[in-house]
Amino acid sequence: MIKSISINEMSFYYIRIVHFQDTDAAGVVYFANVLAMCHEAYEASLVEFGINMKVFFSNQEMAIPIIHANVDFRRPMFCGDELTIELIPKSWGDDEFEISYQVFLKETGDKWAARAFTKHVCIHPQSRNRQKLSDEMRRWLLSFSSLELNKFYEK
């Protein structure tokens, strides 16, 4: 079961159940799959904002690759766990942005299980040169602009 909900204009929340395929031989979520789940949350936030995924990922004039990613873990996540992934993007100029994520286990409430970070840059797909983000992506980023990222480091 996967569903997404937007709680307010400052954060986006994505709720997801951990599937067996997300886990490793030890039965916990495989580290790289946390980034995949965070990317799902990113995609869901774009859809919620009204961005067409098919058009977005097949755009011949713009690509937005991830140029940096990292994940920190605090507690294990298991098959069947309900996760809430909070994401907050922040613009860095007119051609790049970052997204901070917090992953919460339903049973632990406000204590995070993992934190992740991705940095994205806008490029032209053929030349691979940097270019400005589309108006649509700038509007998506602006919809989150009033939230302070320091919130991620308070808990």
N, C-alpha and C. Protein backbone atom coordinates (compact mmCIF):
# COMPACT_ATOMS: atom_id res chain seq x y z
N MET A 1 0.84 -1.18 0.00
CA MET A 1 0.00 0.00 0.00
C MET A 1 0.88 1.24 0.00
N ILE A 2 0.67 2.10 -0.95
CA ILE A 2 1.41 3.35 -1.05
C ILE A 2 0.39 4.46 -1.20
N LYS A 3 0.56 5.50 -0.43
CA LYS A 3 -0.29 6.67 -0.60
C LYS A 3 0.53 7.89 -0.24
N SER A 4 0.14 9.01 -0.76
CA SER A 4 0.84 10.23 -0.42
C SER A 4 -0.16 11.26 0.07
N ILE A 5 0.31 12.09 0.98
CA ILE A 5 -0.53 13.17 1.45
C ILE A 5 0.32 14.40 1.62
N SER A 6 -0.21 15.51 1.24
CA SER A 6 0.47 16.78 1.45
C SER A 6 -0.16 17.43 2.66
N ILE A 7 0.59 17.55 3.74
CA ILE A 7 0.05 18.09 4.98
C ILE A 7 -0.08 19.60 4.93
N ASN A 8 0.93 20.26 4.39
CA ASN A 8 0.89 21.71 4.28
C ASN A 8 1.80 22.13 3.13
N GLU A 9 1.90 23.42 2.91
CA GLU A 9 2.69 23.90 1.79
C GLU A 9 4.18 23.89 2.07
N MET A 10 4.59 23.58 3.31
CA MET A 10 6.00 23.66 3.65
C MET A 10 6.70 22.30 3.60
N SER A 11 5.99 21.24 3.85
CA SER A 11 6.55 19.89 3.80
C SER A 11 5.61 19.01 2.98
N PHE A 12 6.19 17.98 2.40
CA PHE A 12 5.38 16.98 1.72
C PHE A 12 5.60 15.68 2.46
N TYR A 13 4.52 14.95 2.71
CA TYR A 13 4.59 13.68 3.43
C TYR A 13 4.12 12.56 2.52
N TYR A 14 4.89 11.50 2.52
CA TYR A 14 4.61 10.33 1.68
C TYR A 14 4.58 9.12 2.60
N ILE A 15 3.49 8.38 2.56
CA ILE A 15 3.34 7.21 3.43
C ILE A 15 3.49 5.96 2.57
N ARG A 16 4.28 5.02 3.11
CA ARG A 16 4.62 3.81 2.35
C ARG A 16 4.84 2.64 3.29
N ILE A 17 4.43 1.47 2.87
CA ILE A 17 4.69 0.23 3.61
C ILE A 17 5.97 -0.38 3.05
N VAL A 18 6.84 -0.87 3.94
CA VAL A 18 8.06 -1.55 3.50
C VAL A 18 7.67 -2.92 2.93
N HIS A 19 8.12 -3.20 1.72
CA HIS A 19 7.86 -4.48 1.06
C HIS A 19 9.03 -5.44 1.26
N PHE A 20 8.76 -6.71 1.10
CA PHE A 20 9.81 -7.73 1.22
C PHE A 20 10.98 -7.41 0.28
N GLN A 21 10.67 -6.97 -0.93
CA GLN A 21 11.72 -6.67 -1.91
C GLN A 21 12.62 -5.52 -1.48
N ASP A 22 12.20 -4.73 -0.50
CA ASP A 22 13.01 -3.61 0.00
C ASP A 22 14.08 -4.06 1.00
N THR A 23 13.99 -5.32 1.45
CA THR A 23 14.86 -5.77 2.54
C THR A 23 16.03 -6.61 2.02
N ASP A 24 17.02 -6.76 2.90
CA ASP A 24 18.19 -7.58 2.56
C ASP A 24 18.09 -8.93 3.26
N ALA A 25 19.15 -9.72 3.22
CA ALA A 25 19.14 -11.07 3.80
C ALA A 25 18.94 -11.05 5.31
N ALA A 26 19.28 -9.93 5.95
CA ALA A 26 19.09 -9.80 7.40
C ALA A 26 17.66 -9.38 7.75
N GLY A 27 16.84 -9.10 6.74
CA GLY A 27 15.44 -8.74 6.97
C GLY A 27 15.20 -7.27 7.21
N VAL A 28 16.23 -6.45 7.09
CA VAL A 28 16.06 -5.00 7.26
C VAL A 28 16.12 -4.32 5.89
N VAL A 29 15.61 -3.10 5.83
CA VAL A 29 15.64 -2.36 4.57
C VAL A 29 17.09 -2.19 4.12
N TYR A 30 17.35 -2.61 2.88
CA TYR A 30 18.67 -2.46 2.27
C TYR A 30 18.96 -0.97 2.12
N PHE A 31 20.18 -0.55 2.48
CA PHE A 31 20.50 0.86 2.57
C PHE A 31 20.16 1.66 1.30
N ALA A 32 20.45 1.12 0.13
CA ALA A 32 20.18 1.85 -1.11
C ALA A 32 18.68 2.02 -1.37
N ASN A 33 17.88 1.13 -0.82
CA ASN A 33 16.44 1.23 -1.03
C ASN A 33 15.82 2.41 -0.29
N VAL A 34 16.49 2.90 0.73
CA VAL A 34 15.98 4.10 1.39
C VAL A 34 16.03 5.27 0.41
N LEU A 35 17.09 5.37 -0.36
CA LEU A 35 17.15 6.42 -1.39
C LEU A 35 16.07 6.23 -2.44
N ALA A 36 15.81 4.98 -2.81
CA ALA A 36 14.74 4.72 -3.79
C ALA A 36 13.39 5.15 -3.23
N MET A 37 13.14 4.89 -1.96
CA MET A 37 11.88 5.30 -1.33
C MET A 37 11.78 6.82 -1.27
N CYS A 38 12.89 7.47 -0.97
CA CYS A 38 12.90 8.93 -0.95
C CYS A 38 12.61 9.48 -2.35
N HIS A 39 13.16 8.84 -3.36
CA HIS A 39 12.89 9.29 -4.73
C HIS A 39 11.42 9.10 -5.07
N GLU A 40 10.81 8.03 -4.57
CA GLU A 40 9.36 7.85 -4.75
C GLU A 40 8.61 9.03 -4.16
N ALA A 41 9.03 9.46 -2.97
CA ALA A 41 8.38 10.60 -2.31
C ALA A 41 8.55 11.87 -3.15
N TYR A 42 9.73 12.07 -3.71
CA TYR A 42 10.01 13.21 -4.59
C TYR A 42 9.06 13.17 -5.79
N GLU A 43 8.95 12.02 -6.43
CA GLU A 43 8.06 11.89 -7.59
C GLU A 43 6.61 12.15 -7.19
N ALA A 44 6.20 11.62 -6.04
CA ALA A 44 4.82 11.83 -5.58
C ALA A 44 4.55 13.32 -5.32
N SER A 45 5.55 14.04 -4.81
CA SER A 45 5.36 15.47 -4.56
C SER A 45 5.20 16.23 -5.87
N LEU A 46 5.94 15.82 -6.90
CA LEU A 46 5.79 16.46 -8.21
C LEU A 46 4.40 16.20 -8.78
N VAL A 47 3.93 14.96 -8.67
CA VAL A 47 2.59 14.61 -9.15
C VAL A 47 1.53 15.41 -8.40
N GLU A 48 1.68 15.48 -7.08
CA GLU A 48 0.72 16.23 -6.25
C GLU A 48 0.68 17.70 -6.68
N PHE A 49 1.80 18.22 -7.12
CA PHE A 49 1.89 19.61 -7.57
C PHE A 49 1.31 19.79 -8.97
N GLY A 50 1.09 18.67 -9.68
CA GLY A 50 0.48 18.73 -11.01
C GLY A 50 1.46 18.51 -12.15
N ILE A 51 2.66 18.05 -11.85
CA ILE A 51 3.66 17.80 -12.88
C ILE A 51 3.44 16.40 -13.46
N ASN A 52 3.37 16.31 -14.78
CA ASN A 52 3.14 15.05 -15.48
C ASN A 52 4.45 14.26 -15.51
N MET A 53 4.49 13.09 -14.87
CA MET A 53 5.71 12.30 -14.77
C MET A 53 6.22 11.81 -16.13
N LYS A 54 5.32 11.42 -17.00
CA LYS A 54 5.75 10.94 -18.31
C LYS A 54 6.46 12.04 -19.08
N VAL A 55 5.90 13.23 -19.06
CA VAL A 55 6.51 14.38 -19.72
C VAL A 55 7.81 14.77 -19.03
N PHE A 56 7.79 14.78 -17.70
CA PHE A 56 8.96 15.18 -16.91
C PHE A 56 10.18 14.31 -17.21
N PHE A 57 9.99 12.99 -17.22
CA PHE A 57 11.12 12.09 -17.39
C PHE A 57 11.48 11.80 -18.85
N SER A 58 10.68 12.28 -19.78
CA SER A 58 11.03 12.09 -21.19
C SER A 58 11.34 13.42 -21.88
N ASN A 59 11.52 14.46 -21.09
CA ASN A 59 11.76 15.81 -21.62
C ASN A 59 13.07 15.85 -22.40
N GLN A 60 13.01 16.29 -23.64
CA GLN A 60 14.19 16.38 -24.50
C GLN A 60 14.97 17.68 -24.31
N GLU A 61 14.41 18.60 -23.53
CA GLU A 61 15.05 19.91 -23.32
C GLU A 61 15.62 20.09 -21.92
N MET A 62 15.27 19.19 -20.99
CA MET A 62 15.70 19.36 -19.61
C MET A 62 15.82 18.00 -18.93
N ALA A 63 16.90 17.84 -18.18
CA ALA A 63 17.06 16.68 -17.31
C ALA A 63 17.55 17.20 -15.96
N ILE A 64 17.19 16.49 -14.90
CA ILE A 64 17.57 16.92 -13.55
C ILE A 64 18.20 15.74 -12.81
N PRO A 65 19.44 15.41 -13.13
CA PRO A 65 20.09 14.29 -12.45
C PRO A 65 20.48 14.63 -11.01
N ILE A 66 20.60 13.59 -10.22
CA ILE A 66 21.10 13.72 -8.84
C ILE A 66 22.62 13.71 -8.92
N ILE A 67 23.25 14.72 -8.31
CA ILE A 67 24.71 14.80 -8.34
C ILE A 67 25.35 14.46 -7.00
N HIS A 68 24.53 14.33 -5.96
CA HIS A 68 25.05 13.93 -4.65
C HIS A 68 23.90 13.33 -3.85
N ALA A 69 24.19 12.28 -3.09
CA ALA A 69 23.18 11.68 -2.23
C ALA A 69 23.86 11.08 -1.01
N ASN A 70 23.18 11.13 0.12
CA ASN A 70 23.66 10.42 1.30
C ASN A 70 22.49 10.05 2.21
N VAL A 71 22.72 9.06 3.05
CA VAL A 71 21.70 8.58 3.98
C VAL A 71 22.36 8.29 5.32
N ASP A 72 21.68 8.68 6.39
CA ASP A 72 22.08 8.33 7.75
C ASP A 72 20.96 7.49 8.36
N PHE A 73 21.35 6.50 9.16
CA PHE A 73 20.38 5.59 9.76
C PHE A 73 20.43 5.67 11.28
N ARG A 74 19.26 5.61 11.90
CA ARG A 74 19.17 5.60 13.36
C ARG A 74 18.57 4.30 13.88
N ARG A 75 17.62 3.72 13.15
CA ARG A 75 17.00 2.47 13.60
C ARG A 75 16.60 1.64 12.39
N PRO A 76 16.54 0.32 12.56
CA PRO A 76 16.21 -0.54 11.42
C PRO A 76 14.73 -0.45 11.03
N MET A 77 14.48 -0.74 9.76
CA MET A 77 13.12 -0.78 9.22
C MET A 77 12.92 -2.17 8.64
N PHE A 78 11.75 -2.77 8.89
CA PHE A 78 11.47 -4.14 8.51
C PHE A 78 10.27 -4.24 7.57
N CYS A 79 10.17 -5.38 6.89
CA CYS A 79 9.03 -5.65 6.02
C CYS A 79 7.74 -5.47 6.82
N GLY A 80 6.79 -4.74 6.26
CA GLY A 80 5.52 -4.49 6.91
C GLY A 80 5.46 -3.19 7.69
N ASP A 81 6.61 -2.58 7.97
CA ASP A 81 6.61 -1.30 8.69
C ASP A 81 5.96 -0.22 7.85
N GLU A 82 5.20 0.65 8.50
CA GLU A 82 4.64 1.82 7.82
C GLU A 82 5.59 2.99 8.02
N LEU A 83 6.01 3.58 6.91
CA LEU A 83 6.93 4.70 6.95
C LEU A 83 6.23 5.97 6.50
N THR A 84 6.60 7.06 7.10
CA THR A 84 6.22 8.38 6.61
C THR A 84 7.51 9.08 6.22
N ILE A 85 7.58 9.50 4.97
CA ILE A 85 8.77 10.19 4.47
C ILE A 85 8.40 11.66 4.29
N GLU A 86 9.09 12.50 5.03
CA GLU A 86 8.89 13.94 4.91
C GLU A 86 9.98 14.49 4.00
N LEU A 87 9.60 15.32 3.05
CA LEU A 87 10.61 15.94 2.19
C LEU A 87 10.44 17.44 2.15
N ILE A 88 11.59 18.10 2.10
CA ILE A 88 11.63 19.55 1.97
C ILE A 88 12.72 19.92 0.97
N PRO A 89 12.32 20.45 -0.19
CA PRO A 89 13.33 20.91 -1.15
C PRO A 89 13.75 22.34 -0.86
N LYS A 90 14.95 22.68 -1.30
CA LYS A 90 15.47 24.03 -1.15
C LYS A 90 16.24 24.39 -2.41
N SER A 91 15.94 25.55 -2.96
CA SER A 91 16.59 26.01 -4.18
C SER A 91 17.99 26.54 -3.87
N TRP A 92 18.92 26.27 -4.79
CA TRP A 92 20.28 26.81 -4.72
C TRP A 92 20.56 27.46 -6.07
N GLY A 93 20.10 28.68 -6.25
CA GLY A 93 20.29 29.36 -7.52
C GLY A 93 19.23 28.97 -8.52
N ASP A 94 19.49 29.26 -9.78
CA ASP A 94 18.47 29.02 -10.80
C ASP A 94 18.65 27.69 -11.54
N ASP A 95 19.68 26.89 -11.17
CA ASP A 95 19.89 25.63 -11.89
C ASP A 95 20.09 24.41 -10.99
N GLU A 96 19.94 24.57 -9.68
CA GLU A 96 20.09 23.41 -8.80
C GLU A 96 19.25 23.54 -7.55
N PHE A 97 19.01 22.40 -6.92
CA PHE A 97 18.28 22.36 -5.66
C PHE A 97 18.68 21.11 -4.89
N GLU A 98 18.33 21.11 -3.62
CA GLU A 98 18.57 19.94 -2.78
C GLU A 98 17.25 19.54 -2.13
N ILE A 99 17.18 18.30 -1.72
CA ILE A 99 16.00 17.82 -0.99
C ILE A 99 16.49 17.11 0.26
N SER A 100 15.93 17.50 1.40
CA SER A 100 16.19 16.83 2.67
C SER A 100 14.98 15.97 2.99
N TYR A 101 15.26 14.76 3.44
CA TYR A 101 14.21 13.79 3.77
C TYR A 101 14.40 13.30 5.19
N GLN A 102 13.30 13.03 5.85
CA GLN A 102 13.30 12.31 7.12
C GLN A 102 12.32 11.15 6.96
N VAL A 103 12.77 9.97 7.40
CA VAL A 103 11.94 8.77 7.32
C VAL A 103 11.55 8.38 8.74
N PHE A 104 10.25 8.31 8.99
CA PHE A 104 9.73 7.99 10.31
C PHE A 104 9.02 6.65 10.29
N LEU A 105 9.21 5.85 11.34
CA LEU A 105 8.45 4.62 11.55
C LEU A 105 7.17 4.98 12.29
N LYS A 106 6.05 4.42 11.87
CA LYS A 106 4.77 4.75 12.51
C LYS A 106 4.83 4.52 14.02
N GLU A 107 5.44 3.39 14.44
CA GLU A 107 5.41 3.06 15.87
C GLU A 107 6.34 3.91 16.73
N THR A 108 7.25 4.66 16.12
CA THR A 108 8.15 5.49 16.93
C THR A 108 7.78 6.97 16.89
N GLY A 109 6.70 7.30 16.21
CA GLY A 109 6.21 8.68 16.21
C GLY A 109 7.18 9.66 15.58
N ASP A 110 7.64 10.63 16.38
CA ASP A 110 8.45 11.71 15.83
C ASP A 110 9.95 11.42 15.82
N LYS A 111 10.35 10.20 16.15
CA LYS A 111 11.77 9.83 16.09
C LYS A 111 12.09 9.28 14.71
N TRP A 112 13.06 9.86 14.05
CA TRP A 112 13.40 9.44 12.70
C TRP A 112 14.17 8.14 12.68
N ALA A 113 13.93 7.35 11.64
CA ALA A 113 14.65 6.10 11.42
C ALA A 113 15.80 6.31 10.45
N ALA A 114 15.63 7.23 9.51
CA ALA A 114 16.67 7.55 8.54
C ALA A 114 16.49 8.99 8.08
N ARG A 115 17.61 9.59 7.69
CA ARG A 115 17.61 10.90 7.07
C ARG A 115 18.39 10.78 5.77
N ALA A 116 17.90 11.45 4.76
CA ALA A 116 18.59 11.40 3.46
C ALA A 116 18.65 12.79 2.87
N PHE A 117 19.53 12.91 1.89
CA PHE A 117 19.76 14.19 1.24
C PHE A 117 20.12 13.91 -0.21
N THR A 118 19.51 14.64 -1.13
CA THR A 118 19.89 14.55 -2.54
C THR A 118 20.09 15.96 -3.07
N LYS A 119 21.08 16.11 -3.95
CA LYS A 119 21.32 17.38 -4.62
C LYS A 119 21.13 17.15 -6.11
N HIS A 120 20.39 18.04 -6.76
CA HIS A 120 20.00 17.91 -8.15
C HIS A 120 20.48 19.12 -8.94
N VAL A 121 20.82 18.90 -10.20
CA VAL A 121 21.21 20.00 -11.09
C VAL A 121 20.45 19.86 -12.40
N CYS A 122 20.05 21.00 -12.95
CA CYS A 122 19.33 21.00 -14.22
C CYS A 122 20.33 21.12 -15.36
N ILE A 123 20.19 20.22 -16.34
CA ILE A 123 21.07 20.23 -17.50
C ILE A 123 20.25 20.05 -18.78
N HIS A 124 20.89 20.35 -19.91
CA HIS A 124 20.30 20.01 -21.20
C HIS A 124 20.71 18.56 -21.49
N PRO A 125 19.78 17.68 -21.82
CA PRO A 125 20.09 16.25 -21.98
C PRO A 125 21.14 15.92 -23.05
N GLN A 126 21.18 16.69 -24.11
CA GLN A 126 22.14 16.39 -25.17
C GLN A 126 23.51 17.01 -24.90
N SER A 127 23.55 18.30 -24.57
CA SER A 127 24.85 18.97 -24.37
C SER A 127 25.44 18.68 -23.00
N ARG A 128 24.60 18.29 -22.05
CA ARG A 128 24.98 18.03 -20.66
C ARG A 128 25.43 19.31 -19.94
N ASN A 129 25.17 20.46 -20.51
CA ASN A 129 25.50 21.74 -19.88
C ASN A 129 24.40 22.15 -18.93
N ARG A 130 24.79 22.83 -17.87
CA ARG A 130 23.81 23.36 -16.92
C ARG A 130 22.90 24.36 -17.61
N GLN A 131 21.66 24.40 -17.12
CA GLN A 131 20.71 25.39 -17.60
C GLN A 131 19.72 25.69 -16.49
N LYS A 132 18.96 26.75 -16.66
CA LYS A 132 17.98 27.15 -15.65
C LYS A 132 16.88 26.10 -15.53
N LEU A 133 16.39 25.95 -14.32
CA LEU A 133 15.22 25.10 -14.08
C LEU A 133 14.02 25.67 -14.82
N SER A 134 13.10 24.81 -15.20
CA SER A 134 11.88 25.25 -15.86
C SER A 134 11.03 26.09 -14.89
N ASP A 135 10.14 26.88 -15.44
CA ASP A 135 9.22 27.66 -14.60
C ASP A 135 8.42 26.74 -13.69
N GLU A 136 8.01 25.61 -14.23
CA GLU A 136 7.23 24.64 -13.47
C GLU A 136 8.00 24.15 -12.24
N MET A 137 9.29 23.82 -12.43
CA MET A 137 10.10 23.36 -11.30
C MET A 137 10.38 24.49 -10.32
N ARG A 138 10.56 25.70 -10.81
CA ARG A 138 10.77 26.83 -9.90
C ARG A 138 9.52 27.08 -9.05
N ARG A 139 8.34 26.93 -9.65
CA ARG A 139 7.09 27.09 -8.88
C ARG A 139 6.98 25.99 -7.83
N TRP A 140 7.37 24.75 -8.20
CA TRP A 140 7.34 23.64 -7.24
C TRP A 140 8.25 23.98 -6.06
N LEU A 141 9.46 24.44 -6.33
CA LEU A 141 10.40 24.81 -5.27
C LEU A 141 9.86 25.95 -4.41
N LEU A 142 9.28 26.96 -5.05
CA LEU A 142 8.75 28.10 -4.31
C LEU A 142 7.63 27.70 -3.36
N SER A 143 6.91 26.65 -3.70
CA SER A 143 5.81 26.22 -2.82
C SER A 143 6.31 25.72 -1.48
N PHE A 144 7.61 25.45 -1.37
CA PHE A 144 8.21 24.99 -0.12
C PHE A 144 9.10 26.04 0.54
N SER A 145 9.22 27.20 -0.03
CA SER A 145 10.27 28.15 0.35
C SER A 145 10.18 28.72 1.75
N SER A 146 9.05 28.61 2.43
CA SER A 146 8.94 29.25 3.74
C SER A 146 9.36 28.36 4.91
N LEU A 147 9.80 27.14 4.63
CA LEU A 147 10.18 26.26 5.72
C LEU A 147 11.68 26.30 5.96
N GLU A 148 12.08 26.31 7.19
CA GLU A 148 13.50 26.28 7.55
C GLU A 148 13.99 24.85 7.59
N LEU A 149 15.12 24.58 6.93
CA LEU A 149 15.70 23.23 6.95
C LEU A 149 16.26 22.86 8.30
N ASN A 150 16.45 23.85 9.19
CA ASN A 150 16.97 23.55 10.52
C ASN A 150 16.07 22.59 11.28
N LYS A 151 14.82 22.51 10.92
CA LYS A 151 13.88 21.60 11.57
C LYS A 151 14.39 20.17 11.54
N PHE A 152 15.16 19.80 10.51
CA PHE A 152 15.68 18.44 10.39
C PHE A 152 16.72 18.13 11.43
N TYR A 153 17.31 19.12 12.02
CA TYR A 153 18.42 18.87 12.92
C TYR A 153 18.07 19.19 14.36
N GLU A 154 16.80 19.40 14.65
CA GLU A 154 16.35 19.69 16.00
C GLU A 154 16.13 18.43 16.83
N LYS A 155 15.75 17.33 16.19
CA LYS A 155 15.37 16.12 16.94
C LYS A 155 16.55 15.19 17.12
